[in-house]
Structure formats: C-alpha cells, structure tokens
C-alpha cells in the first residue's frame, strides 16, 4: 500500500491575508483559489517545488472554529518545513517580516529555527544533515 498526505487544513481568519502571507512572505505557490460559495473558497498553497502536500487555507466559519485560529498545535510546533538552505530562508523570511522565536540552532538532526505564521501557529524550519 502506498499513501501520502495530500492536504493539511489550516484555519485562517481571512483568505486574502493568508494568501498574502504564504505567497508573498514565505514564497509558497498558490495552487488553487476556487470559489465554492459566496463565503467559501478552496484555497491551496504549497512550498515551491512541492505540490504533493499542500496547505488548505480554511476560513473559520463561526466563532467556535475561530477560537482555534493560531492554536492548531496547542502551543507546540505544529508544522515542519524542510529546506535545502536554512540560512537563506531564515534571512529571506525575516526580511519579509516573518517572526522567528530564535536564530538557527544546531541539533542532532541538522539545523532548525522556530517561527510563527501570521496567526501565531508555530512552525520549525529545518535543514537536515545529509
């Protein structure tokens, strides 16, 4: 059996502000932005060169869902983004206004740095050891 993750739903407050963050600040590719109803869109973004697994930017439909925006990991790192050059991406993201909690640090697995998306979800940018 062969399986892979295709989409990860990420709750957002507003489609356009989320697209702006992921596409303009993080350099992700906008894969799809299709209206589903007057208030709902199917919006998918992915890191450059990796459309196999994407983020589905899902606008919270009510107050119950809205309370989880920025808290999907319960305070822990929620998403892990691998890179081939952490220093390059760290500098580009910081220059674009992405908030990092730390500078890149060495670990047994390679180099990592925790940052937050526009809603406060915690991510880790990782350059793995070869």
Protein backbone atom coordinates (compact mmCIF):
# COMPACT_ATOMS: atom_id res chain seq x y z
CA UNK A 1 0.00 0.00 0.00
CA UNK A 2 1.27 3.44 -0.89
CA UNK A 3 -0.14 6.54 0.80
CA UNK A 4 0.85 10.16 1.33
CA UNK A 5 -0.59 13.25 2.95
CA UNK A 6 -2.20 15.47 0.34
CA UNK A 7 -3.66 18.44 2.24
CA UNK A 8 -3.41 19.86 5.73
CA UNK A 9 -6.24 22.20 6.68
CA UNK A 10 -5.06 25.39 8.35
CA UNK A 11 -7.71 27.60 9.91
CA UNK A 12 -7.44 31.22 8.81
CA UNK A 13 -9.29 34.44 9.59
CA UNK A 14 -9.30 35.74 6.03
CA UNK A 15 -8.40 34.07 2.73
CA UNK A 16 -6.65 37.06 1.18
CA UNK A 17 -4.47 37.91 4.18
CA UNK A 18 -3.44 34.25 4.46
CA UNK A 19 -2.61 34.06 0.75
CA UNK A 20 -0.56 37.26 1.05
CA UNK A 21 1.44 35.84 3.97
CA UNK A 22 2.16 32.43 2.48
CA UNK A 23 2.75 33.57 -1.10
CA UNK A 24 4.41 36.98 -0.60
CA UNK A 25 6.31 36.45 2.65
CA UNK A 26 7.08 32.73 2.53
CA UNK A 27 7.33 32.25 -1.24
CA UNK A 28 4.74 29.47 -1.38
CA UNK A 29 2.94 28.75 -4.63
CA UNK A 30 -0.78 29.43 -4.89
CA UNK A 31 -2.04 26.13 -6.32
CA UNK A 32 -5.76 26.86 -6.31
CA UNK A 33 -8.22 29.58 -5.37
CA UNK A 34 -11.69 28.43 -6.38
CA UNK A 35 -14.94 29.96 -5.09
CA UNK A 36 -17.27 27.36 -3.56
CA UNK A 37 -20.00 29.71 -2.35
CA UNK A 38 -20.31 33.44 -1.65
CA UNK A 39 -18.42 32.94 1.64
CA UNK A 40 -16.25 29.87 0.98
CA UNK A 41 -13.23 29.30 -1.25
CA UNK A 42 -10.99 26.30 -1.86
CA UNK A 43 -7.51 27.80 -1.40
CA UNK A 44 -4.39 25.64 -1.51
CA UNK A 45 -0.77 26.77 -1.17
CA UNK A 46 2.46 24.78 -1.10
CA UNK A 47 6.19 25.33 -0.71
CA UNK A 48 7.93 25.88 -4.06
CA UNK A 49 8.54 22.63 -5.90
CA UNK A 50 6.37 20.50 -3.60
CA UNK A 51 2.72 20.37 -4.68
CA UNK A 52 2.22 16.80 -3.35
CA UNK A 53 1.29 18.07 0.10
CA UNK A 54 -0.29 21.48 0.44
CA UNK A 55 -1.98 23.66 3.00
CA UNK A 56 -5.70 24.11 2.54
CA UNK A 57 -6.38 27.61 3.87
CA UNK A 58 -9.74 27.09 5.54
CA UNK A 59 -11.58 30.20 6.68
CA UNK A 60 -13.21 29.69 10.08
CA UNK A 61 -16.95 29.56 9.53
CA UNK A 62 -18.05 30.55 13.04
CA UNK A 63 -16.83 31.64 16.48
CA UNK A 64 -16.26 28.07 17.60
CA UNK A 65 -13.79 27.47 14.76
CA UNK A 66 -12.31 30.96 15.05
CA UNK A 67 -11.12 30.26 18.59
CA UNK A 68 -8.63 27.74 17.16
CA UNK A 69 -7.01 30.07 14.64
CA UNK A 70 -3.32 30.20 15.55
CA UNK A 71 -3.70 27.42 18.11
CA UNK A 72 -3.91 24.33 15.97
CA UNK A 73 -0.81 22.83 17.56
CA UNK A 74 -1.94 23.55 21.11
CA UNK A 75 1.16 25.71 21.70
CA UNK A 76 3.59 23.15 20.27
CA UNK A 77 5.31 23.31 16.92
CA UNK A 78 2.55 22.34 14.50
CA UNK A 79 4.22 22.20 11.08
CA UNK A 80 7.75 21.34 9.98
CA UNK A 81 9.16 22.91 6.82
CA UNK A 82 12.32 21.34 5.40
CA UNK A 83 14.72 23.44 3.35
CA UNK A 84 17.96 22.93 1.49
CA UNK A 85 19.38 26.20 2.88
CA UNK A 86 18.16 27.35 6.28
CA UNK A 87 20.30 30.47 6.42
CA UNK A 88 18.96 31.72 3.08
CA UNK A 89 15.33 31.09 4.06
CA UNK A 90 15.78 32.43 7.59
CA UNK A 91 17.16 35.71 6.22
CA UNK A 92 14.52 36.00 3.47
CA UNK A 93 11.64 35.27 5.83
CA UNK A 94 12.90 37.69 8.46
CA UNK A 95 13.35 40.41 5.82
CA UNK A 96 9.73 39.79 4.76
CA UNK A 97 8.52 40.22 8.35
CA UNK A 98 8.14 36.60 9.48
CA UNK A 99 8.59 36.38 13.27
CA UNK A 100 11.25 33.92 14.43
CA UNK A 101 11.42 32.88 18.07
CA UNK A 102 15.12 32.06 17.76
CA UNK A 103 18.10 32.10 15.47
CA UNK A 104 19.00 28.85 13.69
CA UNK A 105 20.40 26.30 16.11
CA UNK A 106 22.35 23.08 15.64
CA UNK A 107 20.66 19.82 16.61
CA UNK A 108 21.42 16.13 16.06
CA UNK A 109 19.06 16.13 13.03
CA UNK A 110 20.59 19.26 11.46
CA UNK A 111 19.76 22.95 11.89
CA UNK A 112 16.39 24.28 12.99
CA UNK A 113 14.65 27.55 13.83
CA UNK A 114 11.13 28.05 15.16
CA UNK A 115 8.95 30.75 13.66
CA UNK A 116 5.30 31.77 13.69
CA UNK A 117 2.88 32.25 10.85
CA UNK A 118 0.62 35.30 10.69
CA UNK A 119 -1.79 33.78 13.22
CA UNK A 120 0.77 32.52 15.72
CA UNK A 121 0.91 28.84 14.72
CA UNK A 122 4.40 27.61 15.48
CA UNK A 123 6.50 26.11 12.67
CA UNK A 124 10.02 24.76 12.56
CA UNK A 125 12.25 25.47 9.59
CA UNK A 126 14.72 22.59 9.25
CA UNK A 127 17.79 21.88 7.19
CA UNK A 128 18.52 18.19 7.73
CA UNK A 129 22.00 16.76 7.89
CA UNK A 130 22.87 14.78 4.83
